Amino acid sequence: MKNVYTVATNTFREAVRDRVLYNLVFFALLMMAAAILVGQISIGIDQSVIVSLGLTAISVIGLFIAIFIGVSLVSKEMDKRTLYALLAKPVERWEFLLGKFGGLVMTLAINTGAMALGLYAAMWTVKHPLQRHDVYILVAVYLILLKLAILVAVALAFSCFTTPFLAILFSAGIYVAGVYAQNLRTMHAVDIAPATFRFLKAVSYALPNFENFNVMGAVSHGGVVPGALVLHATLYALAYCAIALSTAAMVFSKRNLK
């Protein structure tokens, strides 16, 4: 795992030095500042407005980081010709991919943590002291991070066999489809051929179900997030990331890099 750790730390340093990353984080903090202003003019719902907008900002900004930087993890190394020098050393291709994945997830963890602190600062400005149930905001941020980790794995898998532009489109499409995956499983087969309904239902189980990680509504209204839900979401994210990364490793191992 030494090679994986080395690739991960280098990826983390490169991502942190990326100006786009700082701009996205600044935009997220700016949205949270706007949430304070909205909360001040919203009678009686200041906390729910701030928490909802803050968590949405963390999710949206993380989404852009996961897709755009995740897709460029492989293509950038190939364009700079550094990938060939790296693979000439005793580094397996799956170690390279796993290191890239770990480095970007670390970057997302640091940035979501920083934005979570900004959200708590916004809440403390409007109402202080903070209350006990506000700790569940961290739970919501953790679930957002799990969702982003899945998206990084998916973006990395697409980047192994297609162009960056198509990988971005495919990753964004998977995210949108994953948001509505639960609806595909529960919708009524009205005016839909049975075969088509069964096909859509099968596809919904192959898509990442991002609804498993959505607790923004409950948290913004002071609700409690059950521990069983967090455990289920964690195991689901680990399993999906493992499948996506295994697929990426198999595809990348057969790719001709000459």
C-alpha atoms as a PDB file:
ATOM      1  CA  MET A   1       0.000   0.000   0.000  1.00  0.00           C
ATOM      2  CA  LYS A   2       3.043   2.264   0.036  1.00  0.00           C
ATOM      3  CA  ASN A   3       2.636   3.047  -3.658  1.00  0.00           C
ATOM      4  CA  VAL A   4      -1.055   3.815  -3.157  1.00  0.00           C
ATOM      5  CA  TYR A   5      -0.240   6.195  -0.308  1.00  0.00           C
ATOM      6  CA  THR A   6       2.432   7.979  -2.373  1.00  0.00           C
ATOM      7  CA  VAL A   7       0.094   8.500  -5.332  1.00  0.00           C
ATOM      8  CA  ALA A   8      -2.702   9.613  -2.992  1.00  0.00           C
ATOM      9  CA  THR A   9      -0.569  12.248  -1.226  1.00  0.00           C
ATOM     10  CA  ASN A  10       0.723  13.621  -4.543  1.00  0.00           C
ATOM     11  CA  THR A  11      -2.829  13.793  -5.890  1.00  0.00           C
ATOM     12  CA  PHE A  12      -3.926  15.600  -2.746  1.00  0.00           C
ATOM     13  CA  ARG A  13      -1.153  18.187  -3.109  1.00  0.00           C
ATOM     14  CA  GLU A  14      -1.970  18.800  -6.767  1.00  0.00           C
ATOM     15  CA  ALA A  15      -5.684  19.185  -6.059  1.00  0.00           C
ATOM     16  CA  VAL A  16      -5.065  21.595  -3.195  1.00  0.00           C
ATOM     17  CA  ARG A  17      -2.853  23.739  -5.434  1.00  0.00           C
ATOM     18  CA  ASP A  18      -5.582  23.898  -8.083  1.00  0.00           C
ATOM     19  CA  ARG A  19      -7.003  27.443  -8.298  1.00  0.00           C
ATOM     20  CA  VAL A  20     -10.372  26.131  -9.386  1.00  0.00           C
ATOM     21  CA  LEU A  21     -10.651  24.286  -6.094  1.00  0.00           C
ATOM     22  CA  TYR A  22     -10.138  27.466  -4.077  1.00  0.00           C
ATOM     23  CA  ASN A  23     -12.655  29.316  -6.227  1.00  0.00           C
ATOM     24  CA  LEU A  24     -15.266  26.621  -5.639  1.00  0.00           C
ATOM     25  CA  VAL A  25     -14.701  26.641  -1.883  1.00  0.00           C
ATOM     26  CA  PHE A  26     -14.912  30.447  -1.838  1.00  0.00           C
ATOM     27  CA  PHE A  27     -18.178  30.260  -3.765  1.00  0.00           C
ATOM     28  CA  ALA A  28     -19.571  27.788  -1.244  1.00  0.00           C
ATOM     29  CA  LEU A  29     -18.618  30.027   1.680  1.00  0.00           C
ATOM     30  CA  LEU A  30     -20.183  32.960  -0.167  1.00  0.00           C
ATOM     31  CA  MET A  31     -23.423  31.000  -0.485  1.00  0.00           C
ATOM     32  CA  MET A  32     -23.395  30.371   3.248  1.00  0.00           C
ATOM     33  CA  ALA A  33     -22.925  34.091   3.852  1.00  0.00           C
ATOM     34  CA  ALA A  34     -25.945  34.670   1.627  1.00  0.00           C
ATOM     35  CA  ALA A  35     -27.798  32.112   3.729  1.00  0.00           C
ATOM     36  CA  ILE A  36     -27.251  34.325   6.789  1.00  0.00           C
ATOM     37  CA  LEU A  37     -28.828  37.271   4.980  1.00  0.00           C
ATOM     38  CA  VAL A  38     -31.772  35.156   3.840  1.00  0.00           C
ATOM     39  CA  GLY A  39     -32.158  33.831   7.348  1.00  0.00           C
ATOM     40  CA  GLN A  40     -32.302  37.332   8.779  1.00  0.00           C
ATOM     41  CA  ILE A  41     -35.254  38.285   6.589  1.00  0.00           C
ATOM     42  CA  SER A  42     -37.038  34.933   7.038  1.00  0.00           C
ATOM     43  CA  ILE A  43     -39.208  35.119  10.109  1.00  0.00           C
ATOM     44  CA  GLY A  44     -38.956  32.015  12.269  1.00  0.00           C
ATOM     45  CA  ILE A  45     -37.208  29.812   9.711  1.00  0.00           C
ATOM     46  CA  ASP A  46     -33.683  31.250   9.826  1.00  0.00           C
ATOM     47  CA  GLN A  47     -32.054  28.007  10.969  1.00  0.00           C
ATOM     48  CA  SER A  48     -33.747  25.796   8.380  1.00  0.00           C
ATOM     49  CA  VAL A  49     -32.869  28.246   5.591  1.00  0.00           C
ATOM     50  CA  ILE A  50     -29.211  28.462   6.614  1.00  0.00           C
ATOM     51  CA  VAL A  51     -28.781  24.708   7.067  1.00  0.00           C
ATOM     52  CA  SER A  52     -30.600  23.886   3.832  1.00  0.00           C
ATOM     53  CA  LEU A  53     -28.666  26.368   1.715  1.00  0.00           C
ATOM     54  CA  GLY A  54     -25.386  25.501   3.411  1.00  0.00           C
ATOM     55  CA  LEU A  55     -25.737  21.756   2.860  1.00  0.00           C
ATOM     56  CA  THR A  56     -26.870  22.359  -0.710  1.00  0.00           C
ATOM     57  CA  ALA A  57     -23.772  24.479  -1.332  1.00  0.00           C
ATOM     58  CA  ILE A  58     -21.517  21.752   0.078  1.00  0.00           C
ATOM     59  CA  SER A  59     -23.204  19.146  -2.104  1.00  0.00           C
ATOM     60  CA  VAL A  60     -23.164  21.184  -5.326  1.00  0.00           C
ATOM     61  CA  ILE A  61     -19.583  22.386  -4.958  1.00  0.00           C
ATOM     62  CA  GLY A  62     -18.447  18.889  -4.050  1.00  0.00           C
ATOM     63  CA  LEU A  63     -20.272  17.596  -7.116  1.00  0.00           C
ATOM     64  CA  PHE A  64     -18.273  19.883  -9.415  1.00  0.00           C
ATOM     65  CA  ILE A  65     -14.999  18.955  -7.726  1.00  0.00           C
ATOM     66  CA  ALA A  66     -15.739  15.226  -7.884  1.00  0.00           C
ATOM     67  CA  ILE A  67     -16.690  15.244 -11.567  1.00  0.00           C
ATOM     68  CA  PHE A  68     -14.305  17.748 -13.135  1.00  0.00           C
ATOM     69  CA  ILE A  69     -11.202  16.907 -11.119  1.00  0.00           C
ATOM     70  CA  GLY A  70     -12.098  13.206 -10.936  1.00  0.00           C
ATOM     71  CA  VAL A  71     -12.292  12.944 -14.711  1.00  0.00           C
ATOM     72  CA  SER A  72      -8.962  14.732 -15.168  1.00  0.00           C
ATOM     73  CA  LEU A  73      -7.050  12.492 -12.754  1.00  0.00           C
ATOM     74  CA  VAL A  74      -6.004  10.074 -15.501  1.00  0.00           C
ATOM     75  CA  SER A  75      -6.137  12.288 -18.592  1.00  0.00           C
ATOM     76  CA  LYS A  76      -3.968  14.991 -17.016  1.00  0.00           C
ATOM     77  CA  GLU A  77      -1.255  12.479 -16.175  1.00  0.00           C
ATOM     78  CA  MET A  78      -1.359  11.164 -19.740  1.00  0.00           C
ATOM     79  CA  ASP A  79      -1.229  14.635 -21.278  1.00  0.00           C
ATOM     80  CA  LYS A  80       1.761  15.606 -19.141  1.00  0.00           C
ATOM     81  CA  ARG A  81       3.412  12.235 -19.943  1.00  0.00           C
ATOM     82  CA  THR A  82       4.028  11.688 -16.222  1.00  0.00           C
ATOM     83  CA  LEU A  83       1.882   8.543 -16.193  1.00  0.00           C
ATOM     84  CA  TYR A  84       4.350   6.644 -18.373  1.00  0.00           C
ATOM     85  CA  ALA A  85       7.271   7.471 -16.097  1.00  0.00           C
ATOM     86  CA  LEU A  86       5.241   6.468 -13.066  1.00  0.00           C
ATOM     87  CA  LEU A  87       4.123   3.122 -14.484  1.00  0.00           C
ATOM     88  CA  ALA A  88       7.707   2.397 -15.540  1.00  0.00           C
ATOM     89  CA  LYS A  89       8.442   2.108 -11.831  1.00  0.00           C
ATOM     90  CA  PRO A  90       7.176  -0.831  -9.728  1.00  0.00           C
ATOM     91  CA  VAL A  91       3.686   0.685  -9.554  1.00  0.00           C
ATOM     92  CA  GLU A  92       0.701  -1.358 -10.691  1.00  0.00           C
ATOM     93  CA  ARG A  93      -2.076   0.341 -12.616  1.00  0.00           C
ATOM     94  CA  TRP A  94      -4.651  -0.520  -9.959  1.00  0.00           C
ATOM     95  CA  GLU A  95      -2.375   1.081  -7.342  1.00  0.00           C
ATOM     96  CA  PHE A  96      -2.266   4.236  -9.453  1.00  0.00           C
ATOM     97  CA  LEU A  97      -6.074   4.363  -9.725  1.00  0.00           C
ATOM     98  CA  LEU A  98      -6.640   3.613  -6.045  1.00  0.00           C
ATOM     99  CA  GLY A  99      -4.119   6.285  -5.082  1.00  0.00           C
ATOM    100  CA  LYS A 100      -5.801   8.853  -7.329  1.00  0.00           C
ATOM    101  CA  PHE A 101      -9.161   7.960  -5.820  1.00  0.00           C
ATOM    102  CA  GLY A 102      -7.857   8.228  -2.273  1.00  0.00           C
ATOM    103  CA  GLY A 103      -6.143  11.547  -2.938  1.00  0.00           C
ATOM    104  CA  LEU A 104      -9.264  13.194  -4.334  1.00  0.00           C
ATOM    105  CA  VAL A 105     -11.457  11.786  -1.552  1.00  0.00           C
ATOM    106  CA  MET A 106      -9.020  13.269   0.978  1.00  0.00           C
ATOM    107  CA  THR A 107      -9.291  16.592  -0.839  1.00  0.00           C
ATOM    108  CA  LEU A 108     -13.083  16.421  -0.728  1.00  0.00           C
ATOM    109  CA  ALA A 109     -12.986  15.516   2.973  1.00  0.00           C
ATOM    110  CA  ILE A 110     -10.841  18.554   3.797  1.00  0.00           C
ATOM    111  CA  ASN A 111     -12.998  20.898   1.737  1.00  0.00           C
ATOM    112  CA  THR A 112     -16.343  19.593   2.968  1.00  0.00           C
ATOM    113  CA  GLY A 113     -14.989  19.855   6.511  1.00  0.00           C
ATOM    114  CA  ALA A 114     -13.945  23.461   5.916  1.00  0.00           C
ATOM    115  CA  MET A 115     -17.339  24.310   4.449  1.00  0.00           C
ATOM    116  CA  ALA A 116     -19.060  22.585   7.372  1.00  0.00           C
ATOM    117  CA  LEU A 117     -17.134  24.850   9.743  1.00  0.00           C
ATOM    118  CA  GLY A 118     -18.303  27.805   7.669  1.00  0.00           C
ATOM    119  CA  LEU A 119     -21.880  26.590   8.001  1.00  0.00           C
ATOM    120  CA  TYR A 120     -21.544  26.278  11.781  1.00  0.00           C
ATOM    121  CA  ALA A 121     -20.057  29.780  11.877  1.00  0.00           C
ATOM    122  CA  ALA A 122     -23.051  31.079   9.938  1.00  0.00           C
ATOM    123  CA  MET A 123     -25.450  29.370  12.335  1.00  0.00           C
ATOM    124  CA  TRP A 124     -23.599  30.679  15.383  1.00  0.00           C
ATOM    125  CA  THR A 125     -23.794  34.209  13.958  1.00  0.00           C
ATOM    126  CA  VAL A 126     -27.571  34.017  13.632  1.00  0.00           C
ATOM    127  CA  LYS A 127     -28.323  32.059  16.804  1.00  0.00           C
ATOM    128  CA  HIS A 128     -25.969  31.203  19.616  1.00  0.00           C
ATOM    129  CA  PRO A 129     -25.235  29.088  21.437  1.00  0.00           C
ATOM    130  CA  LEU A 130     -25.595  26.074  19.154  1.00  0.00           C
ATOM    131  CA  GLN A 131     -27.979  23.321  20.207  1.00  0.00           C
ATOM    132  CA  ARG A 132     -27.331  19.619  20.734  1.00  0.00           C
ATOM    133  CA  HIS A 133     -29.188  18.449  17.627  1.00  0.00           C
ATOM    134  CA  ASP A 134     -26.956  20.653  15.454  1.00  0.00           C
ATOM    135  CA  VAL A 135     -24.396  17.838  15.575  1.00  0.00           C
ATOM    136  CA  TYR A 136     -26.488  16.023  12.973  1.00  0.00           C
ATOM    137  CA  ILE A 137     -25.292  18.583  10.442  1.00  0.00           C
ATOM    138  CA  LEU A 138     -21.956  16.759  10.578  1.00  0.00           C
ATOM    139  CA  VAL A 139     -23.804  13.518   9.871  1.00  0.00           C
ATOM    140  CA  ALA A 140     -25.399  15.119   6.805  1.00  0.00           C
ATOM    141  CA  VAL A 141     -21.983  16.348   5.643  1.00  0.00           C
ATOM    142  CA  TYR A 142     -20.562  12.853   6.139  1.00  0.00           C
ATOM    143  CA  LEU A 143     -23.324  11.363   3.971  1.00  0.00           C
ATOM    144  CA  ILE A 144     -22.641  14.004   1.315  1.00  0.00           C
ATOM    145  CA  LEU A 145     -18.980  12.957   1.373  1.00  0.00           C
ATOM    146  CA  LEU A 146     -19.975   9.308   0.852  1.00  0.00           C
ATOM    147  CA  LYS A 147     -22.083  10.335  -2.135  1.00  0.00           C
ATOM    148  CA  LEU A 148     -19.173  12.297  -3.587  1.00  0.00           C
ATOM    149  CA  ALA A 149     -16.812   9.349  -3.084  1.00  0.00           C
ATOM    150  CA  ILE A 150     -19.116   7.218  -5.234  1.00  0.00           C
ATOM    151  CA  LEU A 151     -19.148   9.924  -7.884  1.00  0.00           C
ATOM    152  CA  VAL A 152     -15.343  10.108  -7.873  1.00  0.00           C
ATOM    153  CA  ALA A 153     -15.139   6.341  -8.412  1.00  0.00           C
ATOM    154  CA  VAL A 154     -17.645   6.562 -11.272  1.00  0.00           C
ATOM    155  CA  ALA A 155     -15.845   9.524 -12.896  1.00  0.00           C
ATOM    156  CA  LEU A 156     -12.537   7.691 -12.572  1.00  0.00           C
ATOM    157  CA  ALA A 157     -14.012   4.596 -14.225  1.00  0.00           C
ATOM    158  CA  PHE A 158     -15.327   6.593 -17.187  1.00  0.00           C
ATOM    159  CA  SER A 159     -12.025   8.438 -17.593  1.00  0.00           C
ATOM    160  CA  CYS A 160     -10.234   5.113 -18.102  1.00  0.00           C
ATOM    161  CA  PHE A 161     -11.811   4.388 -21.487  1.00  0.00           C
ATOM    162  CA  THR A 162     -13.170   7.612 -22.965  1.00  0.00           C
ATOM    163  CA  THR A 163     -12.334  11.269 -23.508  1.00  0.00           C
ATOM    164  CA  PRO A 164     -12.569  13.792 -20.644  1.00  0.00           C
ATOM    165  CA  PHE A 165     -15.541  15.548 -22.234  1.00  0.00           C
ATOM    166  CA  LEU A 166     -17.548  12.356 -22.607  1.00  0.00           C
ATOM    167  CA  ALA A 167     -16.492  11.205 -19.149  1.00  0.00           C
ATOM    168  CA  ILE A 168     -17.896  14.439 -17.688  1.00  0.00           C
ATOM    169  CA  LEU A 169     -21.177  13.958 -19.574  1.00  0.00           C
ATOM    170  CA  PHE A 170     -21.459  10.313 -18.514  1.00  0.00           C
ATOM    171  CA  SER A 171     -20.633  11.082 -14.879  1.00  0.00           C
ATOM    172  CA  ALA A 172     -23.147  13.931 -14.751  1.00  0.00           C
ATOM    173  CA  GLY A 173     -25.742  11.661 -16.369  1.00  0.00           C
ATOM    174  CA  ILE A 174     -25.105   8.925 -13.791  1.00  0.00           C
ATOM    175  CA  TYR A 175     -25.531  11.465 -11.005  1.00  0.00           C
ATOM    176  CA  VAL A 176     -28.848  12.759 -12.355  1.00  0.00           C
ATOM    177  CA  ALA A 177     -30.091   9.222 -12.943  1.00  0.00           C
ATOM    178  CA  GLY A 178     -28.936   8.186  -9.471  1.00  0.00           C
ATOM    179  CA  VAL A 179     -30.946  10.969  -7.879  1.00  0.00           C
ATOM    180  CA  TYR A 180     -34.106   9.494  -9.411  1.00  0.00           C
ATOM    181  CA  ALA A 181     -33.130   5.819  -9.092  1.00  0.00           C
ATOM    182  CA  GLN A 182     -35.495   5.330  -6.165  1.00  0.00           C
ATOM    183  CA  ASN A 183     -38.387   6.712  -8.204  1.00  0.00           C
ATOM    184  CA  LEU A 184     -37.717   4.175 -10.964  1.00  0.00           C
ATOM    185  CA  ARG A 185     -38.096   1.364  -8.442  1.00  0.00           C
ATOM    186  CA  THR A 186     -41.319   2.602  -6.891  1.00  0.00           C
ATOM    187  CA  MET A 187     -43.157   4.120  -9.848  1.00  0.00           C
ATOM    188  CA  HIS A 188     -46.392   2.517 -11.018  1.00  0.00           C
ATOM    189  CA  ALA A 189     -46.256   0.766 -14.349  1.00  0.00           C
ATOM    190  CA  VAL A 190     -49.005   2.899 -15.880  1.00  0.00           C
ATOM    191  CA  ASP A 191     -48.920   3.254 -19.664  1.00  0.00           C
ATOM    192  CA  ILE A 192     -45.575   1.424 -19.688  1.00  0.00           C
ATOM    193  CA  ALA A 193     -45.004  -1.936 -21.291  1.00  0.00           C
ATOM    194  CA  PRO A 194     -44.201  -4.617 -18.695  1.00  0.00           C
ATOM    195  CA  ALA A 195     -40.896  -5.418 -20.374  1.00  0.00           C
ATOM    196  CA  THR A 196     -39.891  -1.744 -20.347  1.00  0.00           C
ATOM    197  CA  PHE A 197     -40.890  -1.417 -16.697  1.00  0.00           C
ATOM    198  CA  ARG A 198     -38.796  -4.449 -15.733  1.00  0.00           C
ATOM    199  CA  PHE A 199     -35.840  -3.079 -17.707  1.00  0.00           C
ATOM    200  CA  LEU A 200     -36.037   0.332 -16.002  1.00  0.00           C
ATOM    201  CA  LYS A 201     -36.318  -1.312 -12.612  1.00  0.00           C
ATOM    202  CA  ALA A 202     -33.242  -3.447 -13.316  1.00  0.00           C
ATOM    203  CA  VAL A 203     -31.313  -0.364 -14.453  1.00  0.00           C
ATOM    204  CA  SER A 204     -32.310   1.465 -11.257  1.00  0.00           C
ATOM    205  CA  TYR A 205     -30.554  -1.194  -9.179  1.00  0.00           C
ATOM    206  CA  ALA A 206     -27.373  -0.798 -11.234  1.00  0.00           C
ATOM    207  CA  LEU A 207     -27.393   2.972 -10.710  1.00  0.00           C
ATOM    208  CA  PRO A 208     -26.077   4.487  -7.468  1.00  0.00           C
ATOM    209  CA  ASN A 209     -29.077   5.335  -5.291  1.00  0.00           C
ATOM    210  CA  PHE A 210     -28.152   8.802  -4.073  1.00  0.00           C
ATOM    211  CA  GLU A 211     -31.422   9.072  -2.177  1.00  0.00           C
ATOM    212  CA  ASN A 212     -29.753   6.898   0.481  1.00  0.00           C
ATOM    213  CA  PHE A 213     -27.573   9.883   1.393  1.00  0.00           C
ATOM    214  CA  ASN A 214     -30.195  12.621   1.371  1.00  0.00           C
ATOM    215  CA  VAL A 215     -31.004  13.763   4.921  1.00  0.00           C
ATOM    216  CA  MET A 216     -30.921  17.505   4.254  1.00  0.00           C
ATOM    217  CA  GLY A 217     -34.645  17.976   4.831  1.00  0.00           C
ATOM    218  CA  ALA A 218     -34.632  16.200   8.181  1.00  0.00           C
ATOM    219  CA  VAL A 219     -31.469  17.903   9.438  1.00  0.00           C
ATOM    220  CA  SER A 220     -32.525  21.393   8.353  1.00  0.00           C
ATOM    221  CA  HIS A 221     -35.670  21.053  10.466  1.00  0.00           C
ATOM    222  CA  GLY A 222     -33.839  19.764  13.526  1.00  0.00           C
ATOM    223  CA  GLY A 223     -34.560  16.091  12.906  1.00  0.00           C
ATOM    224  CA  VAL A 224     -32.527  13.094  14.040  1.00  0.00           C
ATOM    225  CA  VAL A 225     -30.613  10.834  11.653  1.00  0.00           C
ATOM    226  CA  PRO A 226     -30.845   7.158  12.730  1.00  0.00           C
ATOM    227  CA  GLY A 227     -27.562   5.323  13.210  1.00  0.00           C
ATOM    228  CA  ALA A 228     -28.848   2.406  11.141  1.00  0.00           C
ATOM    229  CA  LEU A 229     -29.293   4.735   8.154  1.00  0.00           C
ATOM    230  CA  VAL A 230     -25.702   5.992   8.492  1.00  0.00           C
ATOM    231  CA  LEU A 231     -24.368   2.429   8.724  1.00  0.00           C
ATOM    232  CA  HIS A 232     -26.384   1.311   5.700  1.00  0.00           C
ATOM    233  CA  ALA A 233     -25.215   4.322   3.668  1.00  0.00           C
ATOM    234  CA  THR A 234     -21.591   3.682   4.640  1.00  0.00           C
ATOM    235  CA  LEU A 235     -21.688   0.010   3.637  1.00  0.00           C
ATOM    236  CA  TYR A 236     -23.535   0.875   0.417  1.00  0.00           C
ATOM    237  CA  ALA A 237     -20.924   3.511  -0.511  1.00  0.00           C
ATOM    238  CA  LEU A 238     -18.018   1.158   0.238  1.00  0.00           C
ATOM    239  CA  ALA A 239     -19.553  -1.599  -1.878  1.00  0.00           C
ATOM    240  CA  TYR A 240     -20.363   0.688  -4.820  1.00  0.00           C
ATOM    241  CA  CYS A 241     -16.920   2.309  -4.761  1.00  0.00           C
ATOM    242  CA  ALA A 242     -15.298  -1.132  -4.691  1.00  0.00           C
ATOM    243  CA  ILE A 243     -17.304  -2.247  -7.722  1.00  0.00           C
ATOM    244  CA  ALA A 244     -16.632   0.969  -9.672  1.00  0.00           C
ATOM    245  CA  LEU A 245     -12.908   0.951  -8.884  1.00  0.00           C
ATOM    246  CA  SER A 246     -12.602  -2.748  -9.727  1.00  0.00           C
ATOM    247  CA  THR A 247     -14.250  -2.052 -13.076  1.00  0.00           C
ATOM    248  CA  ALA A 248     -11.917   0.890 -13.656  1.00  0.00           C
ATOM    249  CA  ALA A 249      -8.878  -1.239 -12.800  1.00  0.00           C
ATOM    250  CA  MET A 250      -9.917  -3.997 -15.210  1.00  0.00           C
ATOM    251  CA  VAL A 251     -10.500  -1.540 -18.055  1.00  0.00           C
ATOM    252  CA  PHE A 252      -7.332   0.433 -17.350  1.00  0.00           C
ATOM    253  CA  SER A 253      -5.202  -2.705 -17.139  1.00  0.00           C
ATOM    254  CA  LYS A 254      -6.168  -3.613 -20.716  1.00  0.00           C
ATOM    255  CA  ARG A 255      -5.799  -0.119 -22.132  1.00  0.00           C
ATOM    256  CA  ASN A 256      -2.945   0.427 -24.577  1.00  0.00           C
ATOM    257  CA  LEU A 257      -1.107   3.498 -23.351  1.00  0.00           C
ATOM    258  CA  LYS A 258       1.314   3.708 -26.251  1.00  0.00           C
END
